[in-house]
Amino acid sequence: MVDKSATAELATLKSVAAYWELQTRYGKFLPEESSKYVTEKQLLLIQQAAVFSLDQTQVVFRVCVKPPSKLVLV
């Protein structure tokens, strides 16, 4: 369900950067703003829950204490 206040706020936004920032502030975990995936249409679909997007609370970055050597990775 789309929040009416969020819909009103979306109507006043003029750029993809503003849509991206709004979704990020609402807690969505999105690719960088310069990504080809980040378009106005895609961000609107994410906002309407028509397309799945991770929440920032679902993403956990872990520190690798001793990373493997490049030879092991290759």
N, C-alpha and C. Protein backbone atom coordinates (compact mmCIF):
# COMPACT_ATOMS: atom_id res chain seq x y z
N MET A 1 0.84 -1.18 0.00
CA MET A 1 0.00 0.00 0.00
C MET A 1 0.89 1.24 0.00
N VAL A 2 0.57 2.20 -0.81
CA VAL A 2 1.36 3.41 -0.95
C VAL A 2 0.84 4.47 0.01
N ASP A 3 1.76 5.07 0.75
CA ASP A 3 1.41 6.13 1.69
C ASP A 3 1.07 7.39 0.90
N LYS A 4 -0.05 8.04 1.24
CA LYS A 4 -0.48 9.22 0.49
C LYS A 4 0.49 10.38 0.65
N SER A 5 1.09 10.53 1.82
CA SER A 5 2.05 11.61 2.00
C SER A 5 3.30 11.37 1.15
N ALA A 6 3.70 10.10 1.02
CA ALA A 6 4.85 9.78 0.17
C ALA A 6 4.53 10.04 -1.29
N THR A 7 3.30 9.74 -1.71
CA THR A 7 2.89 9.99 -3.09
C THR A 7 2.88 11.49 -3.38
N ALA A 8 2.41 12.28 -2.45
CA ALA A 8 2.41 13.74 -2.62
C ALA A 8 3.84 14.26 -2.69
N GLU A 9 4.72 13.67 -1.89
CA GLU A 9 6.11 14.10 -1.90
C GLU A 9 6.77 13.73 -3.23
N LEU A 10 6.43 12.55 -3.77
CA LEU A 10 6.98 12.13 -5.06
C LEU A 10 6.55 13.06 -6.19
N ALA A 11 5.34 13.58 -6.11
CA ALA A 11 4.82 14.44 -7.18
C ALA A 11 5.62 15.73 -7.29
N THR A 12 6.25 16.16 -6.21
CA THR A 12 7.00 17.42 -6.23
C THR A 12 8.46 17.23 -6.63
N LEU A 13 8.94 15.98 -6.70
CA LEU A 13 10.33 15.73 -7.05
C LEU A 13 10.55 15.91 -8.55
N LYS A 14 11.69 16.47 -8.90
CA LYS A 14 11.94 16.82 -10.29
C LYS A 14 13.02 15.98 -10.97
N SER A 15 13.80 15.21 -10.21
CA SER A 15 14.91 14.50 -10.84
C SER A 15 15.04 13.08 -10.28
N VAL A 16 15.76 12.26 -11.01
CA VAL A 16 16.02 10.89 -10.57
C VAL A 16 16.84 10.91 -9.28
N ALA A 17 17.76 11.86 -9.16
CA ALA A 17 18.56 11.98 -7.94
C ALA A 17 17.68 12.21 -6.72
N ALA A 18 16.64 13.01 -6.88
CA ALA A 18 15.72 13.27 -5.78
C ALA A 18 14.92 12.02 -5.42
N TYR A 19 14.47 11.26 -6.44
CA TYR A 19 13.76 10.00 -6.19
C TYR A 19 14.67 9.01 -5.48
N TRP A 20 15.92 8.92 -5.92
CA TRP A 20 16.89 8.00 -5.32
C TRP A 20 17.13 8.36 -3.86
N GLU A 21 17.32 9.65 -3.59
CA GLU A 21 17.56 10.10 -2.22
C GLU A 21 16.35 9.82 -1.33
N LEU A 22 15.15 10.02 -1.86
CA LEU A 22 13.93 9.76 -1.09
C LEU A 22 13.82 8.29 -0.72
N GLN A 23 14.06 7.40 -1.68
CA GLN A 23 13.98 5.97 -1.41
C GLN A 23 15.05 5.53 -0.41
N THR A 24 16.23 6.11 -0.51
CA THR A 24 17.30 5.80 0.43
C THR A 24 16.93 6.28 1.83
N ARG A 25 16.33 7.44 1.92
CA ARG A 25 15.89 7.94 3.23
C ARG A 25 14.79 7.10 3.83
N TYR A 26 13.96 6.50 3.00
CA TYR A 26 12.89 5.61 3.47
C TYR A 26 13.42 4.23 3.83
N GLY A 27 14.75 4.02 3.71
CA GLY A 27 15.36 2.79 4.18
C GLY A 27 15.59 1.72 3.13
N LYS A 28 15.49 2.06 1.86
CA LYS A 28 15.75 1.08 0.80
C LYS A 28 17.25 1.01 0.52
N PHE A 29 17.73 -0.19 0.24
CA PHE A 29 19.13 -0.39 -0.13
C PHE A 29 19.19 -0.46 -1.65
N LEU A 30 19.73 0.58 -2.27
CA LEU A 30 19.73 0.71 -3.73
C LEU A 30 21.15 0.78 -4.26
N PRO A 31 21.32 0.47 -5.55
CA PRO A 31 22.64 0.67 -6.16
C PRO A 31 22.99 2.16 -6.20
N GLU A 32 24.21 2.44 -6.57
CA GLU A 32 24.63 3.84 -6.66
C GLU A 32 23.71 4.62 -7.59
N GLU A 33 23.62 5.88 -7.34
CA GLU A 33 22.75 6.77 -8.12
C GLU A 33 23.11 6.77 -9.60
N SER A 34 24.37 6.54 -9.93
CA SER A 34 24.82 6.58 -11.32
C SER A 34 24.59 5.26 -12.06
N SER A 35 24.04 4.26 -11.39
CA SER A 35 23.80 2.95 -12.00
C SER A 35 22.73 3.02 -13.08
N LYS A 36 22.84 2.15 -14.10
CA LYS A 36 21.83 2.10 -15.16
C LYS A 36 20.49 1.60 -14.63
N TYR A 37 20.51 0.87 -13.53
CA TYR A 37 19.28 0.33 -12.92
C TYR A 37 18.43 1.45 -12.31
N VAL A 38 19.07 2.51 -11.89
CA VAL A 38 18.37 3.60 -11.19
C VAL A 38 17.76 4.54 -12.22
N THR A 39 16.48 4.30 -12.52
CA THR A 39 15.72 5.17 -13.40
C THR A 39 14.47 5.61 -12.66
N GLU A 40 13.84 6.65 -13.17
CA GLU A 40 12.63 7.15 -12.51
C GLU A 40 11.55 6.07 -12.47
N LYS A 41 11.39 5.35 -13.58
CA LYS A 41 10.38 4.30 -13.64
C LYS A 41 10.67 3.19 -12.61
N GLN A 42 11.93 2.75 -12.54
CA GLN A 42 12.30 1.68 -11.61
C GLN A 42 12.12 2.12 -10.16
N LEU A 43 12.48 3.36 -9.85
CA LEU A 43 12.33 3.86 -8.48
C LEU A 43 10.86 3.98 -8.09
N LEU A 44 10.02 4.36 -9.04
CA LEU A 44 8.58 4.42 -8.75
C LEU A 44 8.02 3.02 -8.49
N LEU A 45 8.47 2.02 -9.27
CA LEU A 45 8.03 0.65 -9.05
C LEU A 45 8.48 0.13 -7.69
N ILE A 46 9.68 0.50 -7.27
CA ILE A 46 10.16 0.11 -5.94
C ILE A 46 9.31 0.77 -4.87
N GLN A 47 9.00 2.03 -5.05
CA GLN A 47 8.19 2.77 -4.07
C GLN A 47 6.79 2.19 -3.95
N GLN A 48 6.24 1.70 -5.06
CA GLN A 48 4.89 1.13 -5.07
C GLN A 48 4.90 -0.35 -4.68
N ALA A 49 6.07 -0.90 -4.36
CA ALA A 49 6.25 -2.30 -3.97
C ALA A 49 5.90 -3.26 -5.11
N ALA A 50 5.98 -2.80 -6.35
CA ALA A 50 5.77 -3.67 -7.50
C ALA A 50 7.06 -4.43 -7.83
N VAL A 51 8.20 -3.89 -7.40
CA VAL A 51 9.51 -4.51 -7.60
C VAL A 51 10.16 -4.65 -6.23
N PHE A 52 10.74 -5.81 -5.95
CA PHE A 52 11.36 -6.04 -4.65
C PHE A 52 12.67 -5.28 -4.53
N SER A 53 12.90 -4.72 -3.35
CA SER A 53 14.15 -4.07 -3.03
C SER A 53 14.47 -4.34 -1.57
N LEU A 54 15.73 -4.60 -1.29
CA LEU A 54 16.14 -4.86 0.09
C LEU A 54 16.01 -3.60 0.94
N ASP A 55 15.72 -3.82 2.21
CA ASP A 55 15.76 -2.72 3.17
C ASP A 55 17.18 -2.62 3.71
N GLN A 56 17.57 -1.44 4.16
CA GLN A 56 18.91 -1.25 4.69
C GLN A 56 19.15 -2.11 5.93
N THR A 57 18.10 -2.41 6.67
CA THR A 57 18.23 -3.24 7.87
C THR A 57 18.52 -4.70 7.54
N GLN A 58 18.23 -5.13 6.30
CA GLN A 58 18.46 -6.50 5.89
C GLN A 58 19.87 -6.74 5.38
N VAL A 59 20.61 -5.68 5.14
CA VAL A 59 21.96 -5.80 4.58
C VAL A 59 22.98 -5.70 5.71
N VAL A 60 23.85 -6.70 5.78
CA VAL A 60 24.88 -6.72 6.82
C VAL A 60 26.24 -6.86 6.14
N PHE A 61 27.11 -5.91 6.39
CA PHE A 61 28.46 -5.98 5.87
C PHE A 61 29.36 -6.56 6.96
N ARG A 62 30.13 -7.56 6.59
CA ARG A 62 31.02 -8.19 7.55
C ARG A 62 32.47 -7.91 7.16
N VAL A 63 33.29 -7.74 8.17
CA VAL A 63 34.70 -7.46 7.95
C VAL A 63 35.45 -8.78 7.82
N CYS A 64 36.27 -8.88 6.80
CA CYS A 64 37.11 -10.06 6.60
C CYS A 64 38.44 -9.79 7.30
N VAL A 65 38.67 -10.48 8.41
CA VAL A 65 39.85 -10.22 9.24
C VAL A 65 41.14 -10.49 8.48
N LYS A 66 41.22 -11.64 7.85
CA LYS A 66 42.40 -11.98 7.08
C LYS A 66 41.96 -12.43 5.69
N PRO A 67 41.90 -11.50 4.73
CA PRO A 67 41.43 -11.86 3.39
C PRO A 67 42.41 -12.83 2.71
N PRO A 68 41.88 -13.69 1.83
CA PRO A 68 42.78 -14.62 1.12
C PRO A 68 43.68 -13.87 0.15
N SER A 69 44.79 -14.48 -0.19
CA SER A 69 45.72 -13.85 -1.12
C SER A 69 45.14 -13.87 -2.53
N LYS A 70 45.68 -13.04 -3.39
CA LYS A 70 45.22 -12.98 -4.77
C LYS A 70 45.45 -14.30 -5.49
N LEU A 71 46.51 -15.01 -5.15
CA LEU A 71 46.78 -16.29 -5.79
C LEU A 71 45.69 -17.32 -5.47
N VAL A 72 45.17 -17.27 -4.28
CA VAL A 72 44.11 -18.19 -3.89
C VAL A 72 42.82 -17.85 -4.64
N LEU A 73 42.56 -16.58 -4.81
CA LEU A 73 41.34 -16.14 -5.48
C LEU A 73 41.37 -16.44 -6.98
N VAL A 74 42.56 -16.38 -7.56
CA VAL A 74 42.68 -16.62 -9.00
C VAL A 74 42.72 -18.08 -9.22
